């Protein structure tokens, strides 16, 4: 019986463990590497296992990025927040750019929808507009996009 603390240097076991993790949900390559390392696998066994998972089509950073981007956009987050989160997952810039482009989201419309979900009424005062701007920028919308969304909703009050 192998001790849990002993390093595991079996690519076949790493492949099987990676497959089990991917059966639950999509993972980025970096995320899967970290999880396999936590389970005691060595880098020497993880590398070939990940390559085999990629070749078989089970592991795809592009698919993971698209899935996460769609999910976060659906939750009302802006492109800056989504971009930062994908970068934390080890995504390359080109993969992130493609995932965001594939969404086809008008970020100004998205920001306006998020503001309407969060606030009961259109901002009538400068303090209310500032509060709305803060909310939108904290959700990951660029300040120009947030400003345009606030201005659009403010027009409906006047």
N, C-alpha and C. Protein backbone atom coordinates (compact mmCIF):
# COMPACT_ATOMS: atom_id res chain seq x y z
N UNK A 1 0.85 -1.18 0.00
CA UNK A 1 0.00 0.00 0.00
C UNK A 1 0.89 1.24 0.00
N UNK A 2 0.57 2.17 -0.87
CA UNK A 2 1.40 3.36 -1.02
C UNK A 2 0.98 4.42 -0.01
N UNK A 3 1.95 5.08 0.58
CA UNK A 3 1.68 6.16 1.54
C UNK A 3 1.18 7.38 0.78
N UNK A 4 0.26 8.12 1.39
CA UNK A 4 -0.28 9.32 0.74
C UNK A 4 0.78 10.40 0.58
N UNK A 5 1.77 10.42 1.47
CA UNK A 5 2.77 11.48 1.41
C UNK A 5 3.86 11.18 0.37
N UNK A 6 3.97 9.93 -0.07
CA UNK A 6 4.98 9.58 -1.07
C UNK A 6 4.57 10.13 -2.43
N UNK A 7 5.52 10.70 -3.18
CA UNK A 7 5.20 11.22 -4.50
C UNK A 7 4.74 10.10 -5.43
N UNK A 8 3.75 10.41 -6.23
CA UNK A 8 3.19 9.43 -7.16
C UNK A 8 3.70 9.76 -8.56
N UNK A 9 4.40 8.82 -9.15
CA UNK A 9 5.04 9.07 -10.43
C UNK A 9 4.50 8.14 -11.52
N UNK A 10 3.19 7.98 -11.56
CA UNK A 10 2.56 7.11 -12.55
C UNK A 10 1.67 7.95 -13.47
N UNK A 11 2.10 8.17 -14.71
CA UNK A 11 1.28 8.96 -15.64
C UNK A 11 -0.11 8.36 -15.86
N UNK A 12 -0.22 7.05 -15.83
CA UNK A 12 -1.52 6.40 -16.04
C UNK A 12 -2.48 6.74 -14.90
N UNK A 13 -1.97 6.75 -13.66
CA UNK A 13 -2.80 7.12 -12.50
C UNK A 13 -3.17 8.60 -12.57
N UNK A 14 -2.22 9.44 -12.98
CA UNK A 14 -2.50 10.88 -13.10
C UNK A 14 -3.56 11.12 -14.17
N UNK A 15 -3.48 10.38 -15.26
CA UNK A 15 -4.47 10.48 -16.33
C UNK A 15 -5.86 10.11 -15.80
N UNK A 16 -5.95 9.01 -15.08
CA UNK A 16 -7.23 8.55 -14.54
C UNK A 16 -7.79 9.56 -13.54
N UNK A 17 -6.92 10.11 -12.69
CA UNK A 17 -7.36 11.11 -11.71
C UNK A 17 -7.83 12.37 -12.42
N UNK A 18 -7.10 12.79 -13.45
CA UNK A 18 -7.50 13.96 -14.23
C UNK A 18 -8.83 13.75 -14.93
N UNK A 19 -9.04 12.57 -15.44
CA UNK A 19 -10.29 12.23 -16.10
C UNK A 19 -11.47 12.29 -15.12
N UNK A 20 -11.25 11.80 -13.91
CA UNK A 20 -12.31 11.87 -12.88
C UNK A 20 -12.64 13.32 -12.54
N UNK A 21 -11.61 14.16 -12.42
CA UNK A 21 -11.85 15.58 -12.12
C UNK A 21 -12.60 16.26 -13.27
N UNK A 22 -12.23 15.95 -14.49
CA UNK A 22 -12.88 16.56 -15.65
C UNK A 22 -14.30 16.04 -15.86
N UNK A 23 -14.61 14.88 -15.32
CA UNK A 23 -15.97 14.35 -15.44
C UNK A 23 -16.95 15.19 -14.62
N UNK A 24 -16.45 15.84 -13.58
CA UNK A 24 -17.31 16.67 -12.73
C UNK A 24 -17.59 18.03 -13.37
N UNK A 25 -16.52 18.67 -13.92
CA UNK A 25 -16.65 19.98 -14.55
C UNK A 25 -15.39 20.29 -15.34
N UNK A 26 -15.48 21.33 -16.17
CA UNK A 26 -14.32 21.77 -16.94
C UNK A 26 -13.26 22.33 -15.99
N UNK A 27 -12.01 22.15 -16.33
CA UNK A 27 -10.88 22.73 -15.60
C UNK A 27 -9.91 23.31 -16.62
N UNK A 28 -9.17 24.31 -16.20
CA UNK A 28 -8.07 24.80 -17.04
C UNK A 28 -6.89 23.86 -16.82
N UNK A 29 -5.92 23.92 -17.72
CA UNK A 29 -4.73 23.09 -17.57
C UNK A 29 -4.00 23.39 -16.27
N UNK A 30 -3.90 24.68 -15.93
CA UNK A 30 -3.22 25.08 -14.70
C UNK A 30 -3.97 24.57 -13.47
N UNK A 31 -5.26 24.71 -13.48
CA UNK A 31 -6.09 24.26 -12.36
C UNK A 31 -5.98 22.75 -12.17
N UNK A 32 -6.01 22.01 -13.26
CA UNK A 32 -5.90 20.55 -13.19
C UNK A 32 -4.51 20.14 -12.70
N UNK A 33 -3.48 20.85 -13.14
CA UNK A 33 -2.12 20.59 -12.67
C UNK A 33 -2.05 20.76 -11.16
N UNK A 34 -2.59 21.86 -10.66
CA UNK A 34 -2.57 22.11 -9.21
C UNK A 34 -3.30 21.03 -8.44
N UNK A 35 -4.46 20.62 -8.93
CA UNK A 35 -5.23 19.60 -8.23
C UNK A 35 -4.51 18.26 -8.22
N UNK A 36 -3.87 17.92 -9.32
CA UNK A 36 -3.12 16.66 -9.36
C UNK A 36 -1.90 16.72 -8.45
N UNK A 37 -1.25 17.89 -8.39
CA UNK A 37 -0.12 18.05 -7.46
C UNK A 37 -0.59 17.89 -6.02
N UNK A 38 -1.76 18.43 -5.69
CA UNK A 38 -2.31 18.28 -4.34
C UNK A 38 -2.58 16.82 -4.01
N UNK A 39 -2.84 16.04 -5.02
CA UNK A 39 -3.10 14.61 -4.81
C UNK A 39 -1.81 13.79 -4.80
N UNK A 40 -0.68 14.49 -4.86
CA UNK A 40 0.61 13.82 -4.71
C UNK A 40 1.30 13.39 -5.98
N UNK A 41 0.78 13.76 -7.13
CA UNK A 41 1.42 13.38 -8.39
C UNK A 41 2.60 14.31 -8.68
N UNK A 42 3.63 13.76 -9.29
CA UNK A 42 4.81 14.56 -9.64
C UNK A 42 4.57 15.25 -10.99
N UNK A 43 5.34 16.29 -11.23
CA UNK A 43 5.25 17.00 -12.52
C UNK A 43 5.57 16.05 -13.68
N UNK A 44 6.47 15.12 -13.42
CA UNK A 44 6.87 14.17 -14.46
C UNK A 44 5.70 13.27 -14.89
N UNK A 45 4.78 13.02 -13.99
CA UNK A 45 3.62 12.19 -14.36
C UNK A 45 2.45 13.05 -14.83
N UNK A 46 2.38 14.29 -14.36
CA UNK A 46 1.27 15.17 -14.72
C UNK A 46 1.37 15.63 -16.18
N UNK A 47 2.57 15.99 -16.62
CA UNK A 47 2.77 16.49 -17.98
C UNK A 47 2.23 15.55 -19.06
N UNK A 48 2.68 14.29 -19.07
CA UNK A 48 2.15 13.36 -20.08
C UNK A 48 0.65 13.10 -19.94
N UNK A 49 0.17 13.09 -18.71
CA UNK A 49 -1.26 12.85 -18.48
C UNK A 49 -2.09 14.00 -19.07
N UNK A 50 -1.66 15.24 -18.84
CA UNK A 50 -2.39 16.39 -19.38
C UNK A 50 -2.35 16.40 -20.91
N UNK A 51 -1.21 16.06 -21.46
CA UNK A 51 -1.10 16.02 -22.92
C UNK A 51 -2.05 14.98 -23.50
N UNK A 52 -2.12 13.85 -22.85
CA UNK A 52 -3.02 12.79 -23.31
C UNK A 52 -4.49 13.23 -23.20
N UNK A 53 -4.82 13.95 -22.12
CA UNK A 53 -6.18 14.46 -21.94
C UNK A 53 -6.52 15.50 -23.02
N UNK A 54 -5.53 16.33 -23.38
CA UNK A 54 -5.75 17.33 -24.44
C UNK A 54 -5.97 16.65 -25.79
N UNK A 55 -5.12 15.69 -26.11
CA UNK A 55 -5.22 14.98 -27.39
C UNK A 55 -6.56 14.26 -27.50
N UNK A 56 -7.03 13.70 -26.39
CA UNK A 56 -8.31 12.98 -26.39
C UNK A 56 -9.50 13.94 -26.43
N UNK A 57 -9.23 15.23 -26.23
CA UNK A 57 -10.31 16.22 -26.27
C UNK A 57 -11.02 16.43 -24.94
N UNK A 58 -10.50 15.85 -23.88
CA UNK A 58 -11.13 16.00 -22.57
C UNK A 58 -10.73 17.31 -21.88
N UNK A 59 -9.53 17.80 -22.19
CA UNK A 59 -9.02 19.01 -21.57
C UNK A 59 -8.82 20.06 -22.66
N UNK A 60 -9.51 21.19 -22.51
CA UNK A 60 -9.41 22.27 -23.49
C UNK A 60 -9.49 23.61 -22.77
N UNK A 61 -8.40 24.36 -22.81
CA UNK A 61 -8.40 25.68 -22.19
C UNK A 61 -9.40 26.61 -22.87
N UNK A 62 -9.54 26.49 -24.18
CA UNK A 62 -10.48 27.34 -24.92
C UNK A 62 -11.92 27.04 -24.49
N UNK A 63 -12.24 25.77 -24.33
CA UNK A 63 -13.59 25.39 -23.91
C UNK A 63 -13.85 25.85 -22.47
N UNK A 64 -12.84 25.69 -21.60
CA UNK A 64 -12.96 26.15 -20.21
C UNK A 64 -13.18 27.66 -20.18
N UNK A 65 -12.39 28.40 -20.95
CA UNK A 65 -12.49 29.87 -20.97
C UNK A 65 -13.87 30.31 -21.46
N UNK A 66 -14.36 29.68 -22.50
CA UNK A 66 -15.69 30.02 -23.02
C UNK A 66 -16.78 29.73 -22.02
N UNK A 67 -16.68 28.61 -21.35
CA UNK A 67 -17.68 28.22 -20.36
C UNK A 67 -17.69 29.19 -19.18
N UNK A 68 -16.50 29.51 -18.67
CA UNK A 68 -16.42 30.43 -17.53
C UNK A 68 -16.88 31.82 -17.94
N UNK A 69 -16.50 32.28 -19.12
CA UNK A 69 -16.90 33.61 -19.59
C UNK A 69 -18.42 33.70 -19.72
N UNK A 70 -19.06 32.68 -20.30
CA UNK A 70 -20.52 32.68 -20.43
C UNK A 70 -21.19 32.70 -19.05
N UNK A 71 -20.66 31.90 -18.15
CA UNK A 71 -21.24 31.82 -16.80
C UNK A 71 -21.15 33.17 -16.08
N UNK A 72 -19.97 33.77 -16.11
CA UNK A 72 -19.77 35.05 -15.40
C UNK A 72 -20.56 36.18 -16.07
N UNK A 73 -20.62 36.20 -17.38
CA UNK A 73 -21.42 37.22 -18.07
C UNK A 73 -22.89 37.06 -17.69
N UNK A 74 -23.34 35.84 -17.58
CA UNK A 74 -24.72 35.57 -17.17
C UNK A 74 -25.01 36.01 -15.75
N UNK A 75 -23.96 36.06 -14.93
CA UNK A 75 -24.11 36.53 -13.56
C UNK A 75 -24.04 38.05 -13.47
N UNK A 76 -23.82 38.72 -14.59
CA UNK A 76 -23.80 40.18 -14.60
C UNK A 76 -22.43 40.80 -14.40
N UNK A 77 -21.37 40.04 -14.63
CA UNK A 77 -20.03 40.59 -14.49
C UNK A 77 -19.57 41.19 -15.81
N UNK A 78 -18.66 42.17 -15.69
CA UNK A 78 -18.13 42.85 -16.86
C UNK A 78 -16.91 42.17 -17.43
N UNK A 79 -16.49 42.65 -18.58
CA UNK A 79 -15.38 42.02 -19.29
C UNK A 79 -14.06 42.11 -18.53
N UNK A 80 -13.83 43.18 -17.78
CA UNK A 80 -12.58 43.30 -17.04
C UNK A 80 -12.49 42.25 -15.94
N UNK A 81 -13.59 42.01 -15.26
CA UNK A 81 -13.62 41.00 -14.20
C UNK A 81 -13.43 39.60 -14.79
N UNK A 82 -14.11 39.33 -15.87
CA UNK A 82 -14.01 38.01 -16.52
C UNK A 82 -12.59 37.79 -17.02
N UNK A 83 -12.02 38.82 -17.63
CA UNK A 83 -10.64 38.73 -18.14
C UNK A 83 -9.66 38.43 -17.00
N UNK A 84 -9.82 39.12 -15.87
CA UNK A 84 -8.93 38.91 -14.72
C UNK A 84 -9.08 37.49 -14.17
N UNK A 85 -10.29 37.01 -14.08
CA UNK A 85 -10.51 35.66 -13.55
C UNK A 85 -9.91 34.60 -14.47
N UNK A 86 -10.06 34.79 -15.77
CA UNK A 86 -9.48 33.83 -16.71
C UNK A 86 -7.95 33.85 -16.63
N UNK A 87 -7.39 35.02 -16.42
CA UNK A 87 -5.94 35.13 -16.27
C UNK A 87 -5.47 34.38 -15.02
N UNK A 88 -6.25 34.46 -13.94
CA UNK A 88 -5.92 33.73 -12.72
C UNK A 88 -5.93 32.22 -12.95
N UNK A 89 -6.72 31.77 -13.89
CA UNK A 89 -6.80 30.35 -14.21
C UNK A 89 -5.71 29.94 -15.21
N UNK A 90 -4.81 30.86 -15.52
CA UNK A 90 -3.67 30.53 -16.38
C UNK A 90 -3.96 30.59 -17.86
N UNK A 91 -5.01 31.28 -18.25
CA UNK A 91 -5.36 31.37 -19.67
C UNK A 91 -4.43 32.36 -20.38
N UNK A 92 -4.06 32.02 -21.60
CA UNK A 92 -3.27 32.92 -22.42
C UNK A 92 -4.17 34.04 -22.95
N UNK A 93 -3.55 35.17 -23.25
CA UNK A 93 -4.30 36.34 -23.69
C UNK A 93 -5.17 36.05 -24.92
N UNK A 94 -4.62 35.32 -25.88
CA UNK A 94 -5.37 35.02 -27.11
C UNK A 94 -6.62 34.19 -26.80
N UNK A 95 -6.50 33.26 -25.87
CA UNK A 95 -7.65 32.41 -25.49
C UNK A 95 -8.71 33.27 -24.80
N UNK A 96 -8.27 34.17 -23.93
CA UNK A 96 -9.20 35.07 -23.23
C UNK A 96 -9.90 35.98 -24.22
N UNK A 97 -9.14 36.59 -25.12
CA UNK A 97 -9.72 37.48 -26.13
C UNK A 97 -10.76 36.75 -26.98
N UNK A 98 -10.45 35.53 -27.37
CA UNK A 98 -11.38 34.75 -28.19
C UNK A 98 -12.64 34.39 -27.41
N UNK A 99 -12.48 34.02 -26.14
CA UNK A 99 -13.65 33.66 -25.32
C UNK A 99 -14.58 34.86 -25.16
N UNK A 100 -14.02 36.04 -24.94
CA UNK A 100 -14.84 37.24 -24.78
C UNK A 100 -15.47 37.65 -26.11
N UNK A 101 -14.73 37.50 -27.19
CA UNK A 101 -15.28 37.84 -28.51
C UNK A 101 -16.43 36.89 -28.88
N UNK A 102 -16.28 35.62 -28.53
CA UNK A 102 -17.32 34.63 -28.84
C UNK A 102 -18.62 34.89 -28.09
N UNK A 103 -18.53 35.61 -26.97
CA UNK A 103 -19.75 35.93 -26.21
C UNK A 103 -20.68 36.83 -27.02
N UNK A 104 -20.09 37.76 -27.76
CA UNK A 104 -20.90 38.68 -28.55
C UNK A 104 -21.74 39.61 -27.69
N UNK A 105 -21.22 39.95 -26.53
CA UNK A 105 -21.96 40.79 -25.58
C UNK A 105 -21.70 42.26 -25.84
N UNK A 106 -22.75 43.07 -25.81
CA UNK A 106 -22.61 44.52 -25.82
C UNK A 106 -22.47 44.90 -24.34
N UNK A 107 -21.26 45.25 -23.93
CA UNK A 107 -20.98 45.45 -22.50
C UNK A 107 -21.76 46.62 -21.92
N UNK A 108 -22.10 47.60 -22.74
CA UNK A 108 -22.91 48.73 -22.24
C UNK A 108 -24.32 48.25 -21.90
N UNK A 109 -24.88 47.43 -22.75
CA UNK A 109 -26.21 46.86 -22.50
C UNK A 109 -26.15 45.96 -21.27
N UNK A 110 -25.07 45.18 -21.16
CA UNK A 110 -24.88 44.29 -20.00
C UNK A 110 -24.79 45.11 -18.71
N UNK A 111 -24.05 46.21 -18.74
CA UNK A 111 -23.90 47.07 -17.56
C UNK A 111 -25.23 47.70 -17.17
N UNK A 112 -25.99 48.14 -18.15
CA UNK A 112 -27.30 48.73 -17.88
C UNK A 112 -28.23 47.70 -17.26
N UNK A 113 -28.21 46.48 -17.78
CA UNK A 113 -29.05 45.41 -17.23
C UNK A 113 -28.65 45.10 -15.79
N UNK A 114 -27.34 45.08 -15.52
CA UNK A 114 -26.86 44.82 -14.16
C UNK A 114 -27.30 45.93 -13.22
N UNK A 115 -27.20 47.17 -13.67
CA UNK A 115 -27.62 48.30 -12.84
C UNK A 115 -29.11 48.21 -12.52
N UNK A 116 -29.90 47.86 -13.51
CA UNK A 116 -31.35 47.75 -13.30
C UNK A 116 -31.70 46.60 -12.37
N UNK A 117 -30.91 45.53 -12.41
CA UNK A 117 -31.16 44.42 -11.47
C UNK A 117 -30.81 44.81 -10.04
N UNK A 118 -29.76 45.60 -9.89
CA UNK A 118 -29.27 45.92 -8.55
C UNK A 118 -29.97 47.11 -7.91
N UNK A 119 -30.35 48.09 -8.71
CA UNK A 119 -30.96 49.30 -8.17
C UNK A 119 -32.44 49.35 -8.52
N UNK A 120 -33.23 49.80 -7.57
CA UNK A 120 -34.69 49.82 -7.75
C UNK A 120 -35.14 50.90 -8.73
N UNK A 121 -34.42 52.01 -8.76
CA UNK A 121 -34.85 53.12 -9.62
C UNK A 121 -33.65 53.79 -10.26
N UNK A 122 -33.92 54.56 -11.28
CA UNK A 122 -32.87 55.28 -12.00
C UNK A 122 -32.24 56.32 -11.07
N UNK A 123 -30.95 56.58 -11.26
CA UNK A 123 -30.26 57.54 -10.39
C UNK A 123 -30.72 58.97 -10.67
N UNK A 124 -31.27 59.61 -9.66
CA UNK A 124 -31.77 60.97 -9.83
C UNK A 124 -30.77 62.01 -9.33
N UNK A 125 -29.90 61.61 -8.42
CA UNK A 125 -28.93 62.55 -7.84
C UNK A 125 -27.52 62.14 -8.25
N UNK A 126 -26.60 63.08 -8.06
CA UNK A 126 -25.20 62.76 -8.40
C UNK A 126 -24.65 61.68 -7.46
N UNK A 127 -25.10 61.67 -6.22
CA UNK A 127 -24.67 60.63 -5.27
C UNK A 127 -25.15 59.25 -5.72
N UNK A 128 -26.37 59.19 -6.21
CA UNK A 128 -26.92 57.92 -6.69
C UNK A 128 -26.17 57.45 -7.94
N UNK A 129 -25.82 58.40 -8.82
CA UNK A 129 -25.05 58.05 -10.02
C UNK A 129 -23.66 57.55 -9.64
N UNK A 130 -23.04 58.20 -8.66
CA UNK A 130 -21.71 57.77 -8.20
C UNK A 130 -21.77 56.38 -7.58
N UNK A 131 -22.81 56.10 -6.82
CA UNK A 131 -22.99 54.79 -6.19
C UNK A 131 -23.15 53.71 -7.28
N UNK A 132 -23.92 54.04 -8.30
CA UNK A 132 -24.13 53.11 -9.40
C UNK A 132 -22.83 52.88 -10.18
N UNK A 133 -22.08 53.94 -10.40
CA UNK A 133 -20.79 53.82 -11.08
C UNK A 133 -19.86 52.90 -10.30
N UNK A 134 -19.80 53.09 -8.99
CA UNK A 134 -18.95 52.24 -8.14
C UNK A 134 -19.36 50.78 -8.25
N UNK A 135 -20.66 50.56 -8.19
CA UNK A 135 -21.17 49.19 -8.28
C UNK A 135 -20.75 48.54 -9.60
N UNK A 136 -20.93 49.25 -10.69
CA UNK A 136 -20.62 48.68 -12.00
C UNK A 136 -19.12 48.46 -12.19
N UNK A 137 -18.30 49.38 -11.74
CA UNK A 137 -16.85 49.19 -11.89
C UNK A 137 -16.37 48.05 -10.99
N UNK A 138 -16.98 47.88 -9.82
CA UNK A 138 -16.62 46.76 -8.96
C UNK A 138 -17.06 45.42 -9.56
N UNK A 139 -18.06 45.44 -10.41
CA UNK A 139 -18.51 44.22 -11.09
C UNK A 139 -17.65 43.92 -12.31
N UNK A 140 -16.71 44.81 -12.62
CA UNK A 140 -15.78 44.53 -13.71
C UNK A 140 -16.07 45.21 -15.02
N UNK A 141 -16.88 46.26 -14.99
CA UNK A 141 -17.13 47.02 -16.21
C UNK A 141 -16.13 48.17 -16.28
N UNK A 142 -15.66 48.48 -17.47
CA UNK A 142 -14.75 49.61 -17.66
C UNK A 142 -15.48 50.88 -17.27
N UNK A 143 -14.74 51.86 -16.79
CA UNK A 143 -15.39 53.09 -16.31
C UNK A 143 -16.17 53.79 -17.43
N UNK A 144 -15.68 53.75 -18.66
CA UNK A 144 -16.41 54.35 -19.77
C UNK A 144 -17.73 53.65 -20.04
N UNK A 145 -17.72 52.33 -19.94
CA UNK A 145 -18.94 51.54 -20.14
C UNK A 145 -19.93 51.81 -19.01
N UNK A 146 -19.42 51.84 -17.78
CA UNK A 146 -20.28 52.11 -16.62
C UNK A 146 -20.88 53.50 -16.72
N UNK A 147 -20.08 54.47 -17.12
CA UNK A 147 -20.55 55.84 -17.26
C UNK A 147 -21.64 55.94 -18.32
N UNK A 148 -21.45 55.25 -19.44
CA UNK A 148 -22.46 55.27 -20.51
C UNK A 148 -23.76 54.63 -20.04
N UNK A 149 -23.66 53.55 -19.28
CA UNK A 149 -24.86 52.86 -18.78
C UNK A 149 -25.61 53.75 -17.79
N UNK A 150 -24.87 54.40 -16.90
CA UNK A 150 -25.50 55.29 -15.92
C UNK A 150 -26.15 56.47 -16.64
N UNK A 151 -25.47 57.03 -17.62
CA UNK A 151 -26.03 58.16 -18.38
C UNK A 151 -27.29 57.74 -19.12
N UNK A 152 -27.28 56.56 -19.70
CA UNK A 152 -28.44 56.05 -20.43
C UNK A 152 -29.65 55.91 -19.51
N UNK A 153 -29.42 55.35 -18.33
CA UNK A 153 -30.54 55.17 -17.40
C UNK A 153 -30.98 56.50 -16.81
N UNK A 154 -30.03 57.41 -16.59
CA UNK A 154 -30.37 58.73 -16.05
C UNK A 154 -31.25 59.52 -17.01
N UNK A 155 -31.05 59.32 -18.32
CA UNK A 155 -31.87 60.02 -19.32
C UNK A 155 -33.34 59.69 -19.16
N UNK A 156 -33.63 58.49 -18.73
CA UNK A 156 -35.03 58.07 -18.59
C UNK A 156 -35.74 58.80 -17.45
N UNK A 157 -34.97 59.36 -16.51
CA UNK A 157 -35.56 60.08 -15.37
C UNK A 157 -35.90 61.51 -15.76
N UNK A 158 -35.06 62.09 -16.61
CA UNK A 158 -35.22 63.51 -16.94
C UNK A 158 -36.30 63.75 -17.94
